[in-house]
Amino acid sequence: MRISIGGERVEVPDDLGRALLAALRDEQPVKPPQASTFDDLTALVYCISRVTQRLTVVKELAMSRADATGGYSNRRALGLAAGMAPSQLGRVLQGHGLPRDRRAGGVDLAVAFRTADDGVLHLAAEEDVVGLPSFTLPFNPAQIVVEPTEFAGRELVFYYRPQVPIAVAGLGRTAGYTLRPERGLIACVTEQVFDKLFGDPRLDPTRPNGR
C-alpha cells in the first residue's frame, strides 16, 4: 500500500496503512492484521516498532513543549491528552528537563558555552559567566532535523543558570532538547544555544514562527 504525505509517497505494508488510517479516524474496534505468513507478520511488527518509537519521541517533545509554554500550563489536560496518570506525566516531563513538581523549582538552563580546544566563549561575555556553574560535554548530536554546525564532535563547556523558573525560562521551541552530562544533571538550553549548535531551523529566522 502506498500512502501520500506532503506530496511524498511511501510504500508501507497493507496492514500498517489500514491501522494508521483507522487510528487517525479513531475507529473502533481494532481489527487484527490480515497478513498470515511469518515473514509478512514479522515485517509488519518491525515497521510498527519503528513508527511507534518515532511517534513516542515526537509525542514526548510535544508534551514538553506544551508544558513549557507557561508556568501555569494545564497539566491535567496534558495528561488526559497523553493518556497518562499525573505520576507518569511527571516522570516523562522530568526526563526532558522540566520540573516534576513546578511548585518546587525550575530548570537548569544552559545559556552559553565555551569550545574547549580554543577557549572561545560563545553567546556571552566573560563577566556574564563568572560564578555560573558549568559542565563539560562532547557535542555529539543525535539524529535531528537541523544540520549540526562546526561544533559537532568538539568538547564544549556549558554554563548554566540553576533552577530557573519555567515561567521565565523562555524555552519555546527548544523545550524537550536537553544536555545530559555523566553526573546526572539534565540541562535545558535556550533557543540561542540551540541555534548556535545546530543552526536556526526556521525557514525565515527573522520571524518567530519561521514562515
N, C-alpha and C. Protein backbone atom coordinates (compact mmCIF):
# COMPACT_ATOMS: atom_id res chain seq x y z
N MET A 1 0.85 -1.19 0.00
CA MET A 1 0.00 0.00 0.00
C MET A 1 0.88 1.24 0.00
N ARG A 2 0.51 2.23 -0.80
CA ARG A 2 1.22 3.49 -0.83
C ARG A 2 0.40 4.57 -0.15
N ILE A 3 1.06 5.34 0.72
CA ILE A 3 0.40 6.46 1.35
C ILE A 3 1.14 7.73 0.92
N SER A 4 0.41 8.82 0.80
CA SER A 4 0.98 10.08 0.36
C SER A 4 0.87 11.10 1.49
N ILE A 5 2.02 11.68 1.87
CA ILE A 5 2.06 12.68 2.93
C ILE A 5 2.89 13.85 2.43
N GLY A 6 2.28 15.00 2.34
CA GLY A 6 3.00 16.18 1.90
C GLY A 6 3.58 16.04 0.51
N GLY A 7 2.93 15.29 -0.35
CA GLY A 7 3.42 15.10 -1.70
C GLY A 7 4.42 13.98 -1.85
N GLU A 8 4.83 13.37 -0.73
CA GLU A 8 5.78 12.25 -0.79
C GLU A 8 5.03 10.94 -0.60
N ARG A 9 5.27 9.99 -1.51
CA ARG A 9 4.59 8.70 -1.45
C ARG A 9 5.52 7.66 -0.84
N VAL A 10 4.99 6.91 0.11
CA VAL A 10 5.77 5.92 0.85
C VAL A 10 5.07 4.57 0.78
N GLU A 11 5.85 3.54 0.53
CA GLU A 11 5.30 2.18 0.48
C GLU A 11 5.31 1.59 1.89
N VAL A 12 4.16 1.13 2.35
CA VAL A 12 4.05 0.52 3.68
C VAL A 12 3.24 -0.77 3.56
N PRO A 13 3.42 -1.69 4.50
CA PRO A 13 2.59 -2.90 4.49
C PRO A 13 1.11 -2.54 4.55
N ASP A 14 0.28 -3.31 3.87
CA ASP A 14 -1.16 -3.01 3.82
C ASP A 14 -1.75 -2.91 5.22
N ASP A 15 -1.36 -3.82 6.10
CA ASP A 15 -1.92 -3.81 7.46
C ASP A 15 -1.53 -2.55 8.21
N LEU A 16 -0.31 -2.07 8.00
CA LEU A 16 0.11 -0.83 8.66
C LEU A 16 -0.66 0.36 8.12
N GLY A 17 -0.87 0.41 6.80
CA GLY A 17 -1.64 1.50 6.21
C GLY A 17 -3.07 1.54 6.75
N ARG A 18 -3.69 0.36 6.84
CA ARG A 18 -5.06 0.30 7.36
C ARG A 18 -5.10 0.70 8.83
N ALA A 19 -4.09 0.29 9.59
CA ALA A 19 -4.05 0.62 11.02
C ALA A 19 -3.87 2.12 11.23
N LEU A 20 -3.00 2.74 10.41
CA LEU A 20 -2.79 4.19 10.52
C LEU A 20 -4.07 4.94 10.20
N LEU A 21 -4.75 4.52 9.14
CA LEU A 21 -6.00 5.18 8.75
C LEU A 21 -7.05 5.03 9.84
N ALA A 22 -7.16 3.82 10.40
CA ALA A 22 -8.14 3.60 11.47
C ALA A 22 -7.81 4.42 12.70
N ALA A 23 -6.51 4.55 13.01
CA ALA A 23 -6.11 5.33 14.18
C ALA A 23 -6.44 6.81 13.99
N LEU A 24 -6.18 7.33 12.79
CA LEU A 24 -6.47 8.73 12.53
C LEU A 24 -7.97 9.01 12.52
N ARG A 25 -8.74 8.00 12.13
CA ARG A 25 -10.20 8.15 12.15
C ARG A 25 -10.79 7.79 13.50
N ASP A 26 -9.94 7.27 14.39
CA ASP A 26 -10.36 6.84 15.73
C ASP A 26 -11.44 5.76 15.63
N GLU A 27 -11.23 4.84 14.71
CA GLU A 27 -12.19 3.76 14.51
C GLU A 27 -12.04 2.69 15.59
N GLN A 28 -13.16 2.15 16.00
CA GLN A 28 -13.19 1.06 16.97
C GLN A 28 -14.06 -0.06 16.41
N PRO A 29 -13.81 -1.31 16.72
CA PRO A 29 -12.66 -1.80 17.49
C PRO A 29 -11.43 -1.97 16.59
N VAL A 30 -10.31 -2.34 17.20
CA VAL A 30 -9.08 -2.58 16.46
C VAL A 30 -9.20 -3.92 15.71
N LYS A 31 -8.90 -3.89 14.43
CA LYS A 31 -9.00 -5.11 13.63
C LYS A 31 -7.64 -5.80 13.55
N PRO A 32 -7.61 -7.12 13.61
CA PRO A 32 -6.35 -7.85 13.53
C PRO A 32 -5.74 -7.75 12.13
N PRO A 33 -4.43 -7.94 11.99
CA PRO A 33 -3.80 -7.88 10.66
C PRO A 33 -4.29 -9.00 9.77
N GLN A 34 -4.28 -8.75 8.47
CA GLN A 34 -4.70 -9.75 7.50
C GLN A 34 -3.55 -10.63 7.02
N ALA A 35 -2.30 -10.18 7.27
CA ALA A 35 -1.14 -10.99 6.88
C ALA A 35 -1.17 -12.31 7.65
N SER A 36 -0.63 -13.37 7.03
CA SER A 36 -0.71 -14.69 7.66
C SER A 36 0.63 -15.41 7.74
N THR A 37 1.59 -15.05 6.89
CA THR A 37 2.87 -15.76 6.92
C THR A 37 3.78 -15.15 7.98
N PHE A 38 4.74 -15.95 8.44
CA PHE A 38 5.67 -15.50 9.48
C PHE A 38 6.46 -14.28 9.01
N ASP A 39 6.98 -14.34 7.79
CA ASP A 39 7.80 -13.24 7.29
C ASP A 39 7.01 -11.94 7.17
N ASP A 40 5.78 -12.04 6.65
CA ASP A 40 4.96 -10.83 6.50
C ASP A 40 4.59 -10.24 7.86
N LEU A 41 4.26 -11.10 8.81
CA LEU A 41 3.89 -10.62 10.14
C LEU A 41 5.09 -10.02 10.87
N THR A 42 6.26 -10.64 10.70
CA THR A 42 7.47 -10.11 11.32
C THR A 42 7.83 -8.76 10.73
N ALA A 43 7.70 -8.63 9.40
CA ALA A 43 7.96 -7.35 8.75
C ALA A 43 7.00 -6.27 9.25
N LEU A 44 5.75 -6.66 9.48
CA LEU A 44 4.75 -5.73 9.99
C LEU A 44 5.13 -5.27 11.40
N VAL A 45 5.53 -6.21 12.24
CA VAL A 45 5.94 -5.87 13.60
C VAL A 45 7.12 -4.90 13.58
N TYR A 46 8.08 -5.14 12.69
CA TYR A 46 9.26 -4.28 12.58
C TYR A 46 8.86 -2.86 12.18
N CYS A 47 7.99 -2.74 11.19
CA CYS A 47 7.54 -1.42 10.75
C CYS A 47 6.78 -0.69 11.84
N ILE A 48 5.91 -1.40 12.54
CA ILE A 48 5.14 -0.79 13.61
C ILE A 48 6.06 -0.32 14.73
N SER A 49 7.09 -1.11 15.04
CA SER A 49 8.04 -0.73 16.10
C SER A 49 8.75 0.56 15.75
N ARG A 50 9.18 0.68 14.49
CA ARG A 50 9.87 1.91 14.08
C ARG A 50 8.95 3.12 14.16
N VAL A 51 7.71 2.95 13.69
CA VAL A 51 6.75 4.05 13.73
C VAL A 51 6.43 4.42 15.18
N THR A 52 6.23 3.41 16.02
CA THR A 52 5.89 3.65 17.41
C THR A 52 7.01 4.39 18.13
N GLN A 53 8.26 3.97 17.90
CA GLN A 53 9.39 4.64 18.55
C GLN A 53 9.48 6.09 18.13
N ARG A 54 9.33 6.35 16.84
CA ARG A 54 9.41 7.74 16.36
C ARG A 54 8.26 8.58 16.90
N LEU A 55 7.05 8.03 16.88
CA LEU A 55 5.90 8.77 17.37
C LEU A 55 6.00 9.03 18.87
N THR A 56 6.58 8.09 19.61
CA THR A 56 6.76 8.29 21.05
C THR A 56 7.68 9.47 21.32
N VAL A 57 8.76 9.57 20.54
CA VAL A 57 9.69 10.69 20.69
C VAL A 57 8.98 12.00 20.38
N VAL A 58 8.24 12.04 19.26
CA VAL A 58 7.52 13.25 18.88
C VAL A 58 6.47 13.60 19.93
N LYS A 59 5.79 12.60 20.45
CA LYS A 59 4.77 12.82 21.48
C LYS A 59 5.38 13.45 22.72
N GLU A 60 6.52 12.93 23.17
CA GLU A 60 7.15 13.47 24.37
C GLU A 60 7.67 14.88 24.14
N LEU A 61 8.20 15.15 22.94
CA LEU A 61 8.64 16.50 22.64
C LEU A 61 7.47 17.47 22.61
N ALA A 62 6.34 17.03 22.04
CA ALA A 62 5.15 17.87 22.02
C ALA A 62 4.65 18.13 23.44
N MET A 63 4.70 17.10 24.29
CA MET A 63 4.27 17.25 25.68
C MET A 63 5.15 18.25 26.41
N SER A 64 6.47 18.11 26.24
CA SER A 64 7.39 19.00 26.94
C SER A 64 7.25 20.44 26.46
N ARG A 65 7.04 20.62 25.16
CA ARG A 65 6.87 21.97 24.65
C ARG A 65 5.56 22.58 25.10
N ALA A 66 4.52 21.77 25.18
CA ALA A 66 3.24 22.26 25.68
C ALA A 66 3.37 22.69 27.13
N ASP A 67 4.07 21.89 27.93
CA ASP A 67 4.23 22.21 29.34
C ASP A 67 5.08 23.46 29.53
N ALA A 68 6.03 23.68 28.62
CA ALA A 68 6.94 24.81 28.75
C ALA A 68 6.36 26.11 28.21
N THR A 69 5.11 26.08 27.72
CA THR A 69 4.52 27.31 27.19
C THR A 69 4.23 28.31 28.30
N GLY A 70 4.22 27.85 29.54
CA GLY A 70 4.00 28.77 30.65
C GLY A 70 4.10 28.06 31.98
N GLY A 71 4.31 28.83 33.03
CA GLY A 71 4.44 28.25 34.35
C GLY A 71 3.15 27.68 34.90
N TYR A 72 2.04 28.00 34.25
CA TYR A 72 0.75 27.52 34.73
C TYR A 72 0.00 26.77 33.65
N SER A 73 0.72 26.08 32.78
CA SER A 73 0.07 25.27 31.76
C SER A 73 -0.75 24.18 32.43
N ASN A 74 -1.81 23.75 31.76
CA ASN A 74 -2.77 22.81 32.33
C ASN A 74 -2.25 21.39 32.22
N ARG A 75 -1.56 20.92 33.24
CA ARG A 75 -1.01 19.57 33.20
C ARG A 75 -2.10 18.51 33.27
N ARG A 76 -3.22 18.83 33.84
CA ARG A 76 -4.32 17.85 33.86
C ARG A 76 -4.81 17.59 32.45
N ALA A 77 -5.01 18.66 31.67
CA ALA A 77 -5.44 18.49 30.29
C ALA A 77 -4.36 17.80 29.47
N LEU A 78 -3.10 18.11 29.75
CA LEU A 78 -2.00 17.47 29.03
C LEU A 78 -1.94 15.98 29.34
N GLY A 79 -2.15 15.62 30.59
CA GLY A 79 -2.15 14.21 30.97
C GLY A 79 -3.30 13.45 30.32
N LEU A 80 -4.46 14.08 30.24
CA LEU A 80 -5.60 13.44 29.59
C LEU A 80 -5.33 13.23 28.11
N ALA A 81 -4.73 14.23 27.46
CA ALA A 81 -4.41 14.11 26.04
C ALA A 81 -3.39 13.01 25.80
N ALA A 82 -2.44 12.86 26.73
CA ALA A 82 -1.38 11.85 26.58
C ALA A 82 -1.82 10.48 27.06
N GLY A 83 -2.96 10.42 27.76
CA GLY A 83 -3.40 9.14 28.33
C GLY A 83 -2.49 8.68 29.45
N MET A 84 -2.01 9.64 30.26
CA MET A 84 -1.06 9.32 31.34
C MET A 84 -1.59 9.79 32.68
N ALA A 85 -1.27 9.02 33.72
CA ALA A 85 -1.56 9.44 35.08
C ALA A 85 -0.60 10.57 35.45
N PRO A 86 -0.95 11.41 36.42
CA PRO A 86 -0.08 12.52 36.81
C PRO A 86 1.35 12.09 37.14
N SER A 87 1.50 10.95 37.82
CA SER A 87 2.85 10.50 38.20
C SER A 87 3.67 10.14 36.96
N GLN A 88 3.04 9.47 36.00
CA GLN A 88 3.74 9.11 34.77
C GLN A 88 4.07 10.34 33.95
N LEU A 89 3.14 11.27 33.86
CA LEU A 89 3.38 12.51 33.14
C LEU A 89 4.55 13.26 33.76
N GLY A 90 4.58 13.31 35.08
CA GLY A 90 5.68 13.99 35.76
C GLY A 90 7.03 13.37 35.45
N ARG A 91 7.08 12.04 35.38
CA ARG A 91 8.34 11.35 35.07
C ARG A 91 8.80 11.66 33.65
N VAL A 92 7.86 11.68 32.71
CA VAL A 92 8.22 11.97 31.32
C VAL A 92 8.75 13.39 31.20
N LEU A 93 8.05 14.35 31.80
CA LEU A 93 8.49 15.74 31.72
C LEU A 93 9.82 15.94 32.42
N GLN A 94 10.00 15.27 33.54
CA GLN A 94 11.27 15.36 34.26
C GLN A 94 12.41 14.82 33.40
N GLY A 95 12.14 13.79 32.62
CA GLY A 95 13.15 13.24 31.73
C GLY A 95 13.56 14.20 30.63
N HIS A 96 12.72 15.21 30.37
CA HIS A 96 13.04 16.22 29.38
C HIS A 96 13.48 17.53 30.04
N GLY A 97 13.92 17.43 31.30
CA GLY A 97 14.50 18.58 31.98
C GLY A 97 13.51 19.51 32.64
N LEU A 98 12.22 19.19 32.60
CA LEU A 98 11.21 20.05 33.20
C LEU A 98 10.92 19.60 34.62
N PRO A 99 10.52 20.53 35.49
CA PRO A 99 10.30 20.16 36.90
C PRO A 99 9.12 19.21 37.05
N ARG A 100 9.35 18.15 37.82
CA ARG A 100 8.27 17.21 38.08
C ARG A 100 7.16 17.87 38.90
N ASP A 101 7.57 18.70 39.84
CA ASP A 101 6.62 19.47 40.64
C ASP A 101 6.99 20.94 40.46
N ARG A 102 6.16 21.68 39.75
CA ARG A 102 6.51 23.06 39.42
C ARG A 102 6.50 23.97 40.62
N ARG A 103 5.97 23.48 41.77
CA ARG A 103 5.99 24.29 42.97
C ARG A 103 7.35 24.23 43.67
N ALA A 104 8.21 23.32 43.20
CA ALA A 104 9.47 23.09 43.91
C ALA A 104 10.68 23.27 43.00
N GLY A 105 10.73 24.36 42.27
CA GLY A 105 11.93 24.62 41.48
C GLY A 105 11.64 24.85 40.02
N GLY A 106 12.72 24.95 39.24
CA GLY A 106 12.59 25.22 37.82
C GLY A 106 13.50 24.32 37.02
N VAL A 107 14.15 24.87 35.99
CA VAL A 107 15.01 24.08 35.12
C VAL A 107 16.43 24.63 35.17
N ASP A 108 17.40 23.73 35.01
CA ASP A 108 18.79 24.15 34.85
C ASP A 108 18.96 24.55 33.39
N LEU A 109 19.25 25.83 33.15
CA LEU A 109 19.19 26.40 31.81
C LEU A 109 20.57 26.78 31.30
N ALA A 110 21.05 26.05 30.26
CA ALA A 110 22.34 26.37 29.65
C ALA A 110 22.20 27.64 28.81
N VAL A 111 23.03 28.66 29.11
CA VAL A 111 22.88 29.96 28.47
C VAL A 111 24.08 30.33 27.60
N ALA A 112 25.19 29.59 27.73
CA ALA A 112 26.38 29.90 26.94
C ALA A 112 27.29 28.68 26.97
N PHE A 113 28.28 28.68 26.08
CA PHE A 113 29.25 27.58 26.09
C PHE A 113 30.60 28.05 25.57
N ARG A 114 31.63 27.28 25.94
CA ARG A 114 32.99 27.57 25.53
C ARG A 114 33.56 26.36 24.80
N THR A 115 34.20 26.57 23.67
CA THR A 115 34.86 25.47 22.97
C THR A 115 36.18 25.19 23.69
N ALA A 116 36.33 23.94 24.15
CA ALA A 116 37.46 23.60 25.00
C ALA A 116 38.80 23.66 24.26
N ASP A 117 38.79 23.41 22.96
CA ASP A 117 40.06 23.35 22.23
C ASP A 117 40.70 24.71 22.02
N ASP A 118 39.87 25.77 21.91
CA ASP A 118 40.45 27.09 21.70
C ASP A 118 40.07 28.10 22.78
N GLY A 119 39.20 27.68 23.73
CA GLY A 119 38.85 28.55 24.84
C GLY A 119 37.92 29.70 24.50
N VAL A 120 37.32 29.67 23.31
CA VAL A 120 36.44 30.77 22.89
C VAL A 120 35.08 30.63 23.56
N LEU A 121 34.60 31.70 24.17
CA LEU A 121 33.28 31.72 24.81
C LEU A 121 32.24 32.21 23.80
N HIS A 122 31.13 31.50 23.72
CA HIS A 122 30.07 31.83 22.76
C HIS A 122 28.80 32.23 23.49
N LEU A 123 28.14 33.27 22.97
CA LEU A 123 26.82 33.74 23.42
C LEU A 123 26.85 34.48 24.74
N ALA A 124 28.02 34.83 25.24
CA ALA A 124 28.11 35.59 26.49
C ALA A 124 29.48 36.24 26.57
N ALA A 125 29.59 37.26 27.41
CA ALA A 125 30.87 37.87 27.71
C ALA A 125 31.45 37.18 28.94
N GLU A 126 32.75 37.28 29.12
CA GLU A 126 33.40 36.60 30.23
C GLU A 126 32.78 36.98 31.57
N GLU A 127 32.45 38.27 31.72
CA GLU A 127 31.88 38.69 33.01
C GLU A 127 30.49 38.11 33.24
N ASP A 128 29.82 37.70 32.15
CA ASP A 128 28.47 37.15 32.29
C ASP A 128 28.47 35.73 32.87
N VAL A 129 29.58 35.00 32.73
CA VAL A 129 29.60 33.62 33.18
C VAL A 129 30.37 33.44 34.49
N VAL A 130 30.90 34.54 35.03
CA VAL A 130 31.61 34.44 36.31
C VAL A 130 30.64 33.98 37.39
N GLY A 131 31.01 32.92 38.08
CA GLY A 131 30.17 32.40 39.15
C GLY A 131 29.11 31.42 38.71
N LEU A 132 28.89 31.26 37.40
CA LEU A 132 27.90 30.30 36.93
C LEU A 132 28.47 28.89 36.98
N PRO A 133 27.68 27.91 37.42
CA PRO A 133 28.15 26.52 37.36
C PRO A 133 28.29 26.07 35.92
N SER A 134 29.10 25.06 35.69
CA SER A 134 29.34 24.59 34.32
C SER A 134 29.55 23.09 34.30
N PHE A 135 29.49 22.52 33.12
CA PHE A 135 29.82 21.11 32.92
C PHE A 135 30.39 20.96 31.52
N THR A 136 31.24 19.95 31.36
CA THR A 136 31.87 19.69 30.08
C THR A 136 31.21 18.51 29.41
N LEU A 137 30.93 18.65 28.12
CA LEU A 137 30.22 17.60 27.41
C LEU A 137 30.63 17.59 25.94
N PRO A 138 31.10 16.46 25.42
CA PRO A 138 31.37 16.39 23.97
C PRO A 138 30.06 16.56 23.21
N PHE A 139 30.09 17.39 22.18
CA PHE A 139 28.88 17.64 21.41
C PHE A 139 28.79 16.63 20.28
N ASN A 140 28.05 15.57 20.54
CA ASN A 140 27.84 14.52 19.55
C ASN A 140 26.34 14.42 19.29
N PRO A 141 25.81 15.29 18.43
CA PRO A 141 24.35 15.36 18.24
C PRO A 141 23.78 14.08 17.68
N ALA A 142 22.64 13.68 18.24
CA ALA A 142 21.90 12.53 17.70
C ALA A 142 21.18 12.98 16.45
N GLN A 143 20.41 12.06 15.85
CA GLN A 143 19.68 12.40 14.64
C GLN A 143 18.71 13.53 14.92
N ILE A 144 18.81 14.55 14.13
CA ILE A 144 17.95 15.72 14.32
C ILE A 144 17.74 16.39 12.97
N VAL A 145 16.65 17.09 12.84
CA VAL A 145 16.31 17.69 11.54
C VAL A 145 17.32 18.75 11.15
N VAL A 146 17.74 19.57 12.13
CA VAL A 146 18.64 20.67 11.84
C VAL A 146 20.05 20.14 11.60
N GLU A 147 20.75 20.70 10.63
CA GLU A 147 22.11 20.28 10.30
C GLU A 147 23.08 20.77 11.38
N PRO A 148 23.85 19.87 12.02
CA PRO A 148 24.81 20.29 13.04
C PRO A 148 25.84 21.27 12.46
N THR A 149 26.29 22.21 13.29
CA THR A 149 27.26 23.21 12.86
C THR A 149 28.67 22.71 13.09
N GLU A 150 29.63 23.63 13.03
CA GLU A 150 31.04 23.26 13.17
C GLU A 150 31.41 22.78 14.57
N PHE A 151 30.48 22.84 15.52
CA PHE A 151 30.77 22.40 16.88
C PHE A 151 30.63 20.89 17.06
N ALA A 152 30.05 20.20 16.08
CA ALA A 152 29.86 18.75 16.18
C ALA A 152 31.22 18.07 16.36
N GLY A 153 31.28 17.17 17.36
CA GLY A 153 32.49 16.42 17.61
C GLY A 153 33.48 17.12 18.51
N ARG A 154 33.18 18.35 18.93
CA ARG A 154 34.10 19.10 19.79
C ARG A 154 33.64 19.05 21.24
N GLU A 155 34.58 19.21 22.15
CA GLU A 155 34.25 19.22 23.57
C GLU A 155 33.88 20.64 23.97
N LEU A 156 32.72 20.78 24.61
CA LEU A 156 32.20 22.10 24.96
C LEU A 156 31.98 22.20 26.47
N VAL A 157 32.25 23.37 27.00
CA VAL A 157 31.99 23.66 28.41
C VAL A 157 30.72 24.53 28.45
N PHE A 158 29.65 24.00 29.01
CA PHE A 158 28.38 24.70 29.07
C PHE A 158 28.23 25.41 30.42
N TYR A 159 27.79 26.65 30.38
CA TYR A 159 27.49 27.42 31.58
C TYR A 159 25.97 27.50 31.73
N TYR A 160 25.49 27.26 32.94
CA TYR A 160 24.04 27.22 33.12
C TYR A 160 23.61 27.97 34.38
N ARG A 161 22.37 28.43 34.32
CA ARG A 161 21.74 29.05 35.48
C ARG A 161 20.85 28.00 36.15
N PRO A 162 21.12 27.68 37.41
CA PRO A 162 20.36 26.60 38.05
C PRO A 162 18.95 27.02 38.46
N GLN A 163 18.04 26.10 38.27
CA GLN A 163 16.66 26.22 38.74
C GLN A 163 15.99 27.53 38.33
N VAL A 164 16.03 27.81 37.04
CA VAL A 164 15.32 28.98 36.50
C VAL A 164 13.83 28.64 36.43
N PRO A 165 12.95 29.46 37.00
CA PRO A 165 11.52 29.15 36.94
C PRO A 165 11.06 28.96 35.50
N ILE A 166 10.22 27.96 35.28
CA ILE A 166 9.78 27.63 33.93
C ILE A 166 9.05 28.80 33.28
N ALA A 167 8.40 29.65 34.08
CA ALA A 167 7.64 30.76 33.54
C ALA A 167 8.54 31.81 32.89
N VAL A 168 9.82 31.85 33.28
CA VAL A 168 10.72 32.86 32.72
C VAL A 168 11.87 32.24 31.94
N ALA A 169 11.90 30.91 31.85
CA ALA A 169 12.99 30.25 31.14
C ALA A 169 12.95 30.51 29.65
N GLY A 170 11.74 30.70 29.10
CA GLY A 170 11.61 31.02 27.68
C GLY A 170 12.14 29.92 26.76
N LEU A 171 11.82 28.67 27.06
CA LEU A 171 12.34 27.56 26.27
C LEU A 171 11.79 27.55 24.85
N GLY A 172 10.50 27.84 24.72
CA GLY A 172 9.91 27.88 23.38
C GLY A 172 10.11 26.59 22.62
N ARG A 173 10.61 26.70 21.37
CA ARG A 173 10.74 25.53 20.50
C ARG A 173 11.89 24.62 20.90
N THR A 174 12.72 25.02 21.87
CA THR A 174 13.81 24.13 22.30
C THR A 174 13.39 23.22 23.45
N ALA A 175 12.18 23.40 23.96
CA ALA A 175 11.72 22.55 25.06
C ALA A 175 11.75 21.09 24.64
N GLY A 176 12.31 20.26 25.47
CA GLY A 176 12.42 18.84 25.17
C GLY A 176 13.81 18.44 24.75
N TYR A 177 14.61 19.41 24.25
CA TYR A 177 16.00 19.09 23.91
C TYR A 177 16.86 19.36 25.15
N THR A 178 17.57 18.37 25.62
CA THR A 178 18.33 18.50 26.86
C THR A 178 19.77 18.04 26.68
N LEU A 179 20.63 18.54 27.55
CA LEU A 179 22.03 18.12 27.64
C LEU A 179 22.17 17.30 28.91
N ARG A 180 22.87 16.16 28.81
CA ARG A 180 22.95 15.24 29.94
C ARG A 180 24.39 14.82 30.22
N PRO A 181 25.11 15.59 31.04
CA PRO A 181 26.45 15.15 31.43
C PRO A 181 26.38 13.93 32.34
N GLU A 182 27.51 13.28 32.55
CA GLU A 182 27.53 12.00 33.26
C GLU A 182 27.08 12.11 34.71
N ARG A 183 27.22 13.27 35.31
CA ARG A 183 26.92 13.37 36.75
C ARG A 183 25.44 13.40 37.06
N GLY A 184 24.60 13.26 36.06
CA GLY A 184 23.17 13.14 36.31
C GLY A 184 22.38 14.41 36.11
N LEU A 185 23.04 15.52 35.87
CA LEU A 185 22.34 16.77 35.61
C LEU A 185 21.60 16.69 34.27
N ILE A 186 20.40 17.26 34.22
CA ILE A 186 19.67 17.39 32.96
C ILE A 186 19.46 18.88 32.72
N ALA A 187 20.09 19.43 31.70
CA ALA A 187 20.03 20.86 31.46
C ALA A 187 19.26 21.16 30.17
N CYS A 188 18.30 22.07 30.28
CA CYS A 188 17.63 22.58 29.10
C CYS A 188 18.53 23.64 28.46
N VAL A 189 18.21 24.03 27.24
CA VAL A 189 19.02 25.04 26.55
C VAL A 189 18.13 26.17 26.05
N THR A 190 18.71 27.35 25.98
CA THR A 190 17.98 28.47 25.39
C THR A 190 17.93 28.30 23.88
N GLU A 191 17.04 29.03 23.24
CA GLU A 191 16.96 28.97 21.79
C GLU A 191 18.26 29.45 21.15
N GLN A 192 18.93 30.41 21.79
CA GLN A 192 20.19 30.93 21.26
C GLN A 192 21.26 29.85 21.25
N VAL A 193 21.35 29.08 22.34
CA VAL A 193 22.33 27.99 22.41
C VAL A 193 22.00 26.92 21.38
N PHE A 194 20.72 26.56 21.28
CA PHE A 194 20.31 25.54 20.33
C PHE A 194 20.66 25.95 18.90
N ASP A 195 20.34 27.18 18.54
CA ASP A 195 20.59 27.64 17.17
C ASP A 195 22.08 27.73 16.88
N LYS A 196 22.89 28.09 17.88
CA LYS A 196 24.33 28.17 17.68
C LYS A 196 24.92 26.78 17.44
N LEU A 197 24.35 25.77 18.10
CA LEU A 197 24.86 24.40 17.96
C LEU A 197 24.40 23.75 16.67
N PHE A 198 23.14 24.00 16.29
CA PHE A 198 22.55 23.29 15.17
C PHE A 198 22.27 24.15 13.94
N GLY A 199 22.28 25.47 14.12
CA GLY A 199 21.79 26.33 13.05
C GLY A 199 20.31 26.59 13.27
N ASP A 200 19.84 27.76 12.88
CA ASP A 200 18.44 28.12 13.08
C ASP A 200 17.56 27.28 12.16
N PRO A 201 16.62 26.49 12.72
CA PRO A 201 15.81 25.60 11.90
C PRO A 201 14.67 26.28 11.16
N ARG A 202 14.43 27.55 11.45
CA ARG A 202 13.29 28.21 10.84
C ARG A 202 13.59 28.61 9.40
N LEU A 203 12.56 28.59 8.57
CA LEU A 203 12.72 28.98 7.17
C LEU A 203 13.13 30.45 7.07
N ASP A 204 12.54 31.28 7.90
CA ASP A 204 12.87 32.70 7.92
C ASP A 204 13.22 33.07 9.35
N PRO A 205 14.51 33.13 9.70
CA PRO A 205 14.92 33.39 11.08
C PRO A 205 14.47 34.72 11.62
N THR A 206 14.06 35.65 10.77
CA THR A 206 13.65 36.97 11.23
C THR A 206 12.23 36.97 11.77
N ARG A 207 11.51 35.85 11.58
CA ARG A 207 10.13 35.79 12.05
C ARG A 207 10.00 34.70 13.10
N PRO A 208 9.22 34.94 14.17
CA PRO A 208 9.13 33.99 15.28
C PRO A 208 8.72 32.59 14.87
N ASN A 209 7.79 32.47 13.92
CA ASN A 209 7.32 31.14 13.52
C ASN A 209 8.02 30.62 12.27
N GLY A 210 8.95 31.41 11.73
CA GLY A 210 9.74 30.96 10.59
C GLY A 210 8.98 30.92 9.28
N ARG A 211 7.81 31.51 9.23
CA ARG A 211 7.01 31.46 7.99
C ARG A 211 7.13 32.76 7.21
